[in-house]
Amino acid sequence: MGKLISTVGGIIAIVAGALLLLRWKAAFMICLKGMCPAFLILAGLIAAYAGISEMKDEAARKKEEAKRKTEEKK
């Protein structure tokens, strides 16, 4: 019974959301325009953090390889 209620509730939410989107299209577009710069900044920060983390991992891996080669030569 719970699955049926959640399915019907989901369909009602989709229909209500679509109707409200049509009614408040201008307000939605203003909100969407306001969210775009914030989203781009956040996505850029995440990408930069991932890139820096990747570079640190690569440097640590190279350092570890150099250490292993030095130990093998001894």
PDB file of N, CA and C in Angstrom:
ATOM      1  N   MET A   1       0.818  -1.196   0.000  1.00  0.00           N
ATOM      2  CA  MET A   1       0.000   0.000   0.000  1.00  0.00           C
ATOM      3  C   MET A   1       0.864   1.263   0.000  1.00  0.00           C
ATOM      4  N   GLY A   2       2.028   1.201   0.670  1.00  0.00           N
ATOM      5  CA  GLY A   2       2.918   2.357   0.736  1.00  0.00           C
ATOM      6  C   GLY A   2       3.481   2.731  -0.616  1.00  0.00           C
ATOM      7  N   LYS A   3       3.763   1.714  -1.451  1.00  0.00           N
ATOM      8  CA  LYS A   3       4.298   1.990  -2.784  1.00  0.00           C
ATOM      9  C   LYS A   3       3.266   2.700  -3.641  1.00  0.00           C
ATOM     10  N   LEU A   4       2.022   2.299  -3.513  1.00  0.00           N
ATOM     11  CA  LEU A   4       0.951   2.920  -4.279  1.00  0.00           C
ATOM     12  C   LEU A   4       0.767   4.378  -3.857  1.00  0.00           C
ATOM     13  N   ILE A   5       0.803   4.633  -2.563  1.00  0.00           N
ATOM     14  CA  ILE A   5       0.638   6.001  -2.068  1.00  0.00           C
ATOM     15  C   ILE A   5       1.789   6.889  -2.536  1.00  0.00           C
ATOM     16  N   SER A   6       3.010   6.368  -2.475  1.00  0.00           N
ATOM     17  CA  SER A   6       4.151   7.175  -2.909  1.00  0.00           C
ATOM     18  C   SER A   6       4.112   7.415  -4.417  1.00  0.00           C
ATOM     19  N   THR A   7       3.643   6.437  -5.191  1.00  0.00           N
ATOM     20  CA  THR A   7       3.540   6.613  -6.634  1.00  0.00           C
ATOM     21  C   THR A   7       2.489   7.663  -6.976  1.00  0.00           C
ATOM     22  N   VAL A   8       1.322   7.562  -6.364  1.00  0.00           N
ATOM     23  CA  VAL A   8       0.251   8.537  -6.615  1.00  0.00           C
ATOM     24  C   VAL A   8       0.687   9.920  -6.126  1.00  0.00           C
ATOM     25  N   GLY A   9       1.326   9.977  -4.970  1.00  0.00           N
ATOM     26  CA  GLY A   9       1.827  11.258  -4.467  1.00  0.00           C
ATOM     27  C   GLY A   9       2.862  11.871  -5.396  1.00  0.00           C
ATOM     28  N   GLY A  10       3.713  11.041  -5.966  1.00  0.00           N
ATOM     29  CA  GLY A  10       4.713  11.529  -6.917  1.00  0.00           C
ATOM     30  C   GLY A  10       4.074  12.073  -8.180  1.00  0.00           C
ATOM     31  N   ILE A  11       3.063  11.392  -8.675  1.00  0.00           N
ATOM     32  CA  ILE A  11       2.367  11.856  -9.886  1.00  0.00           C
ATOM     33  C   ILE A  11       1.657  13.182  -9.605  1.00  0.00           C
ATOM     34  N   ILE A  12       1.022  13.293  -8.440  1.00  0.00           N
ATOM     35  CA  ILE A  12       0.353  14.545  -8.064  1.00  0.00           C
ATOM     36  C   ILE A  12       1.378  15.681  -7.967  1.00  0.00           C
ATOM     37  N   ALA A  13       2.534  15.398  -7.399  1.00  0.00           N
ATOM     38  CA  ALA A  13       3.581  16.413  -7.268  1.00  0.00           C
ATOM     39  C   ALA A  13       4.087  16.852  -8.635  1.00  0.00           C
ATOM     40  N   ILE A  14       4.223  15.913  -9.570  1.00  0.00           N
ATOM     41  CA  ILE A  14       4.673  16.257 -10.925  1.00  0.00           C
ATOM     42  C   ILE A  14       3.662  17.157 -11.609  1.00  0.00           C
ATOM     43  N   VAL A  15       2.386  16.794 -11.536  1.00  0.00           N
ATOM     44  CA  VAL A  15       1.337  17.593 -12.176  1.00  0.00           C
ATOM     45  C   VAL A  15       1.254  18.975 -11.538  1.00  0.00           C
ATOM     46  N   ALA A  16       1.275  19.033 -10.205  1.00  0.00           N
ATOM     47  CA  ALA A  16       1.205  20.325  -9.513  1.00  0.00           C
ATOM     48  C   ALA A  16       2.419  21.187  -9.860  1.00  0.00           C
ATOM     49  N   GLY A  17       3.590  20.578  -9.901  1.00  0.00           N
ATOM     50  CA  GLY A  17       4.799  21.327 -10.261  1.00  0.00           C
ATOM     51  C   GLY A  17       4.747  21.867 -11.676  1.00  0.00           C
ATOM     52  N   ALA A  18       4.247  21.062 -12.615  1.00  0.00           N
ATOM     53  CA  ALA A  18       4.140  21.512 -14.002  1.00  0.00           C
ATOM     54  C   ALA A  18       3.142  22.659 -14.125  1.00  0.00           C
ATOM     55  N   LEU A  19       2.012  22.545 -13.439  1.00  0.00           N
ATOM     56  CA  LEU A  19       1.010  23.620 -13.494  1.00  0.00           C
ATOM     57  C   LEU A  19       1.534  24.913 -12.874  1.00  0.00           C
ATOM     58  N   LEU A  20       2.208  24.790 -11.735  1.00  0.00           N
ATOM     59  CA  LEU A  20       2.761  25.979 -11.086  1.00  0.00           C
ATOM     60  C   LEU A  20       3.894  26.581 -11.907  1.00  0.00           C
ATOM     61  N   LEU A  21       4.656  25.755 -12.583  1.00  0.00           N
ATOM     62  CA  LEU A  21       5.722  26.262 -13.436  1.00  0.00           C
ATOM     63  C   LEU A  21       5.146  27.079 -14.581  1.00  0.00           C
ATOM     64  N   LEU A  22       4.057  26.595 -15.164  1.00  0.00           N
ATOM     65  CA  LEU A  22       3.410  27.349 -16.237  1.00  0.00           C
ATOM     66  C   LEU A  22       2.843  28.674 -15.715  1.00  0.00           C
ATOM     67  N   ARG A  23       2.280  28.633 -14.507  1.00  0.00           N
ATOM     68  CA  ARG A  23       1.678  29.843 -13.935  1.00  0.00           C
ATOM     69  C   ARG A  23       2.744  30.852 -13.510  1.00  0.00           C
ATOM     70  N   TRP A  24       3.834  30.390 -12.927  1.00  0.00           N
ATOM     71  CA  TRP A  24       4.869  31.274 -12.407  1.00  0.00           C
ATOM     72  C   TRP A  24       6.145  31.220 -13.254  1.00  0.00           C
ATOM     73  N   LYS A  25       5.981  31.161 -14.556  1.00  0.00           N
ATOM     74  CA  LYS A  25       7.124  31.028 -15.454  1.00  0.00           C
ATOM     75  C   LYS A  25       8.099  32.201 -15.300  1.00  0.00           C
ATOM     76  N   ALA A  26       7.584  33.423 -15.224  1.00  0.00           N
ATOM     77  CA  ALA A  26       8.455  34.600 -15.110  1.00  0.00           C
ATOM     78  C   ALA A  26       9.260  34.561 -13.808  1.00  0.00           C
ATOM     79  N   ALA A  27       8.597  34.233 -12.712  1.00  0.00           N
ATOM     80  CA  ALA A  27       9.301  34.166 -11.428  1.00  0.00           C
ATOM     81  C   ALA A  27      10.340  33.045 -11.442  1.00  0.00           C
ATOM     82  N   PHE A  28      10.006  31.919 -12.078  1.00  0.00           N
ATOM     83  CA  PHE A  28      10.948  30.810 -12.181  1.00  0.00           C
ATOM     84  C   PHE A  28      12.179  31.219 -12.982  1.00  0.00           C
ATOM     85  N   MET A  29      11.967  31.944 -14.071  1.00  0.00           N
ATOM     86  CA  MET A  29      13.099  32.373 -14.892  1.00  0.00           C
ATOM     87  C   MET A  29      14.005  33.346 -14.129  1.00  0.00           C
ATOM     88  N   ILE A  30      13.415  34.238 -13.351  1.00  0.00           N
ATOM     89  CA  ILE A  30      14.226  35.163 -12.547  1.00  0.00           C
ATOM     90  C   ILE A  30      15.056  34.379 -11.531  1.00  0.00           C
ATOM     91  N   CYS A  31      14.423  33.427 -10.896  1.00  0.00           N
ATOM     92  CA  CYS A  31      15.126  32.601  -9.901  1.00  0.00           C
ATOM     93  C   CYS A  31      16.234  31.784 -10.573  1.00  0.00           C
ATOM     94  N   LEU A  32      15.939  31.244 -11.742  1.00  0.00           N
ATOM     95  CA  LEU A  32      16.924  30.452 -12.479  1.00  0.00           C
ATOM     96  C   LEU A  32      18.115  31.318 -12.889  1.00  0.00           C
ATOM     97  N   LYS A  33      17.839  32.540 -13.333  1.00  0.00           N
ATOM     98  CA  LYS A  33      18.925  33.458 -13.700  1.00  0.00           C
ATOM     99  C   LYS A  33      19.788  33.792 -12.484  1.00  0.00           C
ATOM    100  N   GLY A  34      19.179  33.894 -11.340  1.00  0.00           N
ATOM    101  CA  GLY A  34      19.933  34.191 -10.128  1.00  0.00           C
ATOM    102  C   GLY A  34      20.769  33.013  -9.649  1.00  0.00           C
ATOM    103  N   MET A  35      20.309  31.808  -9.929  1.00  0.00           N
ATOM    104  CA  MET A  35      21.036  30.623  -9.473  1.00  0.00           C
ATOM    105  C   MET A  35      22.203  30.258 -10.391  1.00  0.00           C
ATOM    106  N   CYS A  36      22.161  30.663 -11.640  1.00  0.00           N
ATOM    107  CA  CYS A  36      23.217  30.268 -12.591  1.00  0.00           C
ATOM    108  C   CYS A  36      24.612  30.720 -12.156  1.00  0.00           C
ATOM    109  N   PRO A  37      24.821  31.999 -11.809  1.00  0.00           N
ATOM    110  CA  PRO A  37      26.172  32.381 -11.376  1.00  0.00           C
ATOM    111  C   PRO A  37      26.632  31.632 -10.123  1.00  0.00           C
ATOM    112  N   ALA A  38      25.722  31.452  -9.175  1.00  0.00           N
ATOM    113  CA  ALA A  38      26.094  30.736  -7.956  1.00  0.00           C
ATOM    114  C   ALA A  38      26.459  29.287  -8.282  1.00  0.00           C
ATOM    115  N   PHE A  39      25.704  28.662  -9.160  1.00  0.00           N
ATOM    116  CA  PHE A  39      25.998  27.290  -9.562  1.00  0.00           C
ATOM    117  C   PHE A  39      27.348  27.210 -10.264  1.00  0.00           C
ATOM    118  N   LEU A  40      27.628  28.152 -11.159  1.00  0.00           N
ATOM    119  CA  LEU A  40      28.910  28.138 -11.866  1.00  0.00           C
ATOM    120  C   LEU A  40      30.083  28.334 -10.904  1.00  0.00           C
ATOM    121  N   ILE A  41      29.927  29.215  -9.932  1.00  0.00           N
ATOM    122  CA  ILE A  41      30.990  29.425  -8.942  1.00  0.00           C
ATOM    123  C   ILE A  41      31.211  28.148  -8.135  1.00  0.00           C
ATOM    124  N   LEU A  42      30.130  27.546  -7.670  1.00  0.00           N
ATOM    125  CA  LEU A  42      30.246  26.322  -6.890  1.00  0.00           C
ATOM    126  C   LEU A  42      30.871  25.194  -7.708  1.00  0.00           C
ATOM    127  N   ALA A  43      30.420  25.027  -8.947  1.00  0.00           N
ATOM    128  CA  ALA A  43      30.975  23.978  -9.811  1.00  0.00           C
ATOM    129  C   ALA A  43      32.460  24.240 -10.083  1.00  0.00           C
ATOM    130  N   GLY A  44      32.833  25.501 -10.279  1.00  0.00           N
ATOM    131  CA  GLY A  44      34.233  25.845 -10.489  1.00  0.00           C
ATOM    132  C   GLY A  44      35.094  25.545  -9.280  1.00  0.00           C
ATOM    133  N   LEU A  45      34.566  25.852  -8.099  1.00  0.00           N
ATOM    134  CA  LEU A  45      35.307  25.545  -6.874  1.00  0.00           C
ATOM    135  C   LEU A  45      35.508  24.041  -6.705  1.00  0.00           C
ATOM    136  N   ILE A  46      34.482  23.278  -6.988  1.00  0.00           N
ATOM    137  CA  ILE A  46      34.601  21.821  -6.873  1.00  0.00           C
ATOM    138  C   ILE A  46      35.611  21.285  -7.878  1.00  0.00           C
ATOM    139  N   ALA A  47      35.560  21.787  -9.118  1.00  0.00           N
ATOM    140  CA  ALA A  47      36.500  21.332 -10.138  1.00  0.00           C
ATOM    141  C   ALA A  47      37.932  21.713  -9.783  1.00  0.00           C
ATOM    142  N   ALA A  48      38.126  22.929  -9.286  1.00  0.00           N
ATOM    143  CA  ALA A  48      39.475  23.363  -8.900  1.00  0.00           C
ATOM    144  C   ALA A  48      39.997  22.518  -7.742  1.00  0.00           C
ATOM    145  N   TYR A  49      39.163  22.261  -6.763  1.00  0.00           N
ATOM    146  CA  TYR A  49      39.563  21.430  -5.624  1.00  0.00           C
ATOM    147  C   TYR A  49      39.939  20.026  -6.089  1.00  0.00           C
ATOM    148  N   ALA A  50      39.140  19.463  -6.998  1.00  0.00           N
ATOM    149  CA  ALA A  50      39.437  18.126  -7.509  1.00  0.00           C
ATOM    150  C   ALA A  50      40.759  18.119  -8.275  1.00  0.00           C
ATOM    151  N   GLY A  51      41.010  19.165  -9.056  1.00  0.00           N
ATOM    152  CA  GLY A  51      42.265  19.248  -9.801  1.00  0.00           C
ATOM    153  C   GLY A  51      43.473  19.369  -8.893  1.00  0.00           C
ATOM    154  N   ILE A  52      43.367  20.208  -7.870  1.00  0.00           N
ATOM    155  CA  ILE A  52      44.470  20.374  -6.923  1.00  0.00           C
ATOM    156  C   ILE A  52      44.719  19.068  -6.174  1.00  0.00           C
ATOM    157  N   SER A  53      43.665  18.417  -5.770  1.00  0.00           N
ATOM    158  CA  SER A  53      43.798  17.138  -5.072  1.00  0.00           C
ATOM    159  C   SER A  53      44.470  16.099  -5.965  1.00  0.00           C
ATOM    160  N   GLU A  54      44.105  16.089  -7.225  1.00  0.00           N
ATOM    161  CA  GLU A  54      44.711  15.148  -8.179  1.00  0.00           C
ATOM    162  C   GLU A  54      46.201  15.433  -8.343  1.00  0.00           C
ATOM    163  N   MET A  55      46.576  16.721  -8.419  1.00  0.00           N
ATOM    164  CA  MET A  55      47.987  17.073  -8.555  1.00  0.00           C
ATOM    165  C   MET A  55      48.775  16.672  -7.313  1.00  0.00           C
ATOM    166  N   LYS A  56      48.186  16.853  -6.126  1.00  0.00           N
ATOM    167  CA  LYS A  56      48.860  16.445  -4.890  1.00  0.00           C
ATOM    168  C   LYS A  56      49.056  14.934  -4.856  1.00  0.00           C
ATOM    169  N   ASP A  57      48.049  14.195  -5.272  1.00  0.00           N
ATOM    170  CA  ASP A  57      48.161  12.734  -5.305  1.00  0.00           C
ATOM    171  C   ASP A  57      49.251  12.296  -6.282  1.00  0.00           C
ATOM    172  N   GLU A  58      49.304  12.947  -7.425  1.00  0.00           N
ATOM    173  CA  GLU A  58      50.315  12.614  -8.434  1.00  0.00           C
ATOM    174  C   GLU A  58      51.720  12.907  -7.900  1.00  0.00           C
ATOM    175  N   ALA A  59      51.891  14.053  -7.229  1.00  0.00           N
ATOM    176  CA  ALA A  59      53.204  14.398  -6.658  1.00  0.00           C
ATOM    177  C   ALA A  59      53.602  13.395  -5.584  1.00  0.00           C
ATOM    178  N   ALA A  60      52.658  12.994  -4.748  1.00  0.00           N
ATOM    179  CA  ALA A  60      52.958  12.013  -3.703  1.00  0.00           C
ATOM    180  C   ALA A  60      53.323  10.660  -4.315  1.00  0.00           C
ATOM    181  N   ARG A  61      52.646  10.296  -5.397  1.00  0.00           N
ATOM    182  CA  ARG A  61      52.940   9.027  -6.064  1.00  0.00           C
ATOM    183  C   ARG A  61      54.341   9.053  -6.674  1.00  0.00           C
ATOM    184  N   LYS A  62      54.706  10.162  -7.305  1.00  0.00           N
ATOM    185  CA  LYS A  62      56.041  10.277  -7.896  1.00  0.00           C
ATOM    186  C   LYS A  62      57.115  10.250  -6.819  1.00  0.00           C
ATOM    187  N   LYS A  63      56.850  10.903  -5.697  1.00  0.00           N
ATOM    188  CA  LYS A  63      57.809  10.919  -4.593  1.00  0.00           C
ATOM    189  C   LYS A  63      57.996   9.500  -4.052  1.00  0.00           C
ATOM    190  N   GLU A  64      56.904   8.761  -3.934  1.00  0.00           N
ATOM    191  CA  GLU A  64      56.966   7.385  -3.441  1.00  0.00           C
ATOM    192  C   GLU A  64      57.739   6.491  -4.417  1.00  0.00           C
ATOM    193  N   GLU A  65      57.531   6.689  -5.723  1.00  0.00           N
ATOM    194  CA  GLU A  65      58.267   5.912  -6.727  1.00  0.00           C
ATOM    195  C   GLU A  65      59.765   6.212  -6.649  1.00  0.00           C
ATOM    196  N   ALA A  66      60.110   7.487  -6.491  1.00  0.00           N
ATOM    197  CA  ALA A  66      61.515   7.863  -6.386  1.00  0.00           C
ATOM    198  C   ALA A  66      62.152   7.249  -5.140  1.00  0.00           C
ATOM    199  N   LYS A  67      61.405   7.216  -4.060  1.00  0.00           N
ATOM    200  CA  LYS A  67      61.899   6.621  -2.825  1.00  0.00           C
ATOM    201  C   LYS A  67      62.134   5.125  -3.002  1.00  0.00           C
ATOM    202  N   ARG A  68      61.216   4.448  -3.687  1.00  0.00           N
ATOM    203  CA  ARG A  68      61.359   3.012  -3.919  1.00  0.00           C
ATOM    204  C   ARG A  68      62.564   2.711  -4.808  1.00  0.00           C
ATOM    205  N   LYS A  69      62.773   3.536  -5.835  1.00  0.00           N
ATOM    206  CA  LYS A  69      63.924   3.326  -6.728  1.00  0.00           C
ATOM    207  C   LYS A  69      65.225   3.520  -5.980  1.00  0.00           C
ATOM    208  N   THR A  70      65.260   4.507  -5.090  1.00  0.00           N
ATOM    209  CA  THR A  70      66.458   4.756  -4.298  1.00  0.00           C
ATOM    210  C   THR A  70      66.741   3.579  -3.368  1.00  0.00           C
ATOM    211  N   GLU A  71      65.690   3.048  -2.766  1.00  0.00           N
ATOM    212  CA  GLU A  71      65.860   1.890  -1.868  1.00  0.00           C
ATOM    213  C   GLU A  71      66.276   0.646  -2.633  1.00  0.00           C
ATOM    214  N   GLU A  72      65.808   0.470  -3.857  1.00  0.00           N
ATOM    215  CA  GLU A  72      66.170  -0.708  -4.656  1.00  0.00           C
ATOM    216  C   GLU A  72      67.625  -0.668  -5.077  1.00  0.00           C
ATOM    217  N   LYS A  73      68.167   0.528  -5.315  1.00  0.00           N
ATOM    218  CA  LYS A  73      69.541   0.665  -5.732  1.00  0.00           C
ATOM    219  C   LYS A  73      70.510   0.328  -4.597  1.00  0.00           C
ATOM    220  N   LYS A  74      70.073   0.483  -3.370  1.00  0.00           N
ATOM    221  CA  LYS A  74      70.950   0.220  -2.222  1.00  0.00           C
ATOM    222  C   LYS A  74      71.059  -1.219  -1.953  1.00  0.00           C
TER     223      LYS A  74
END
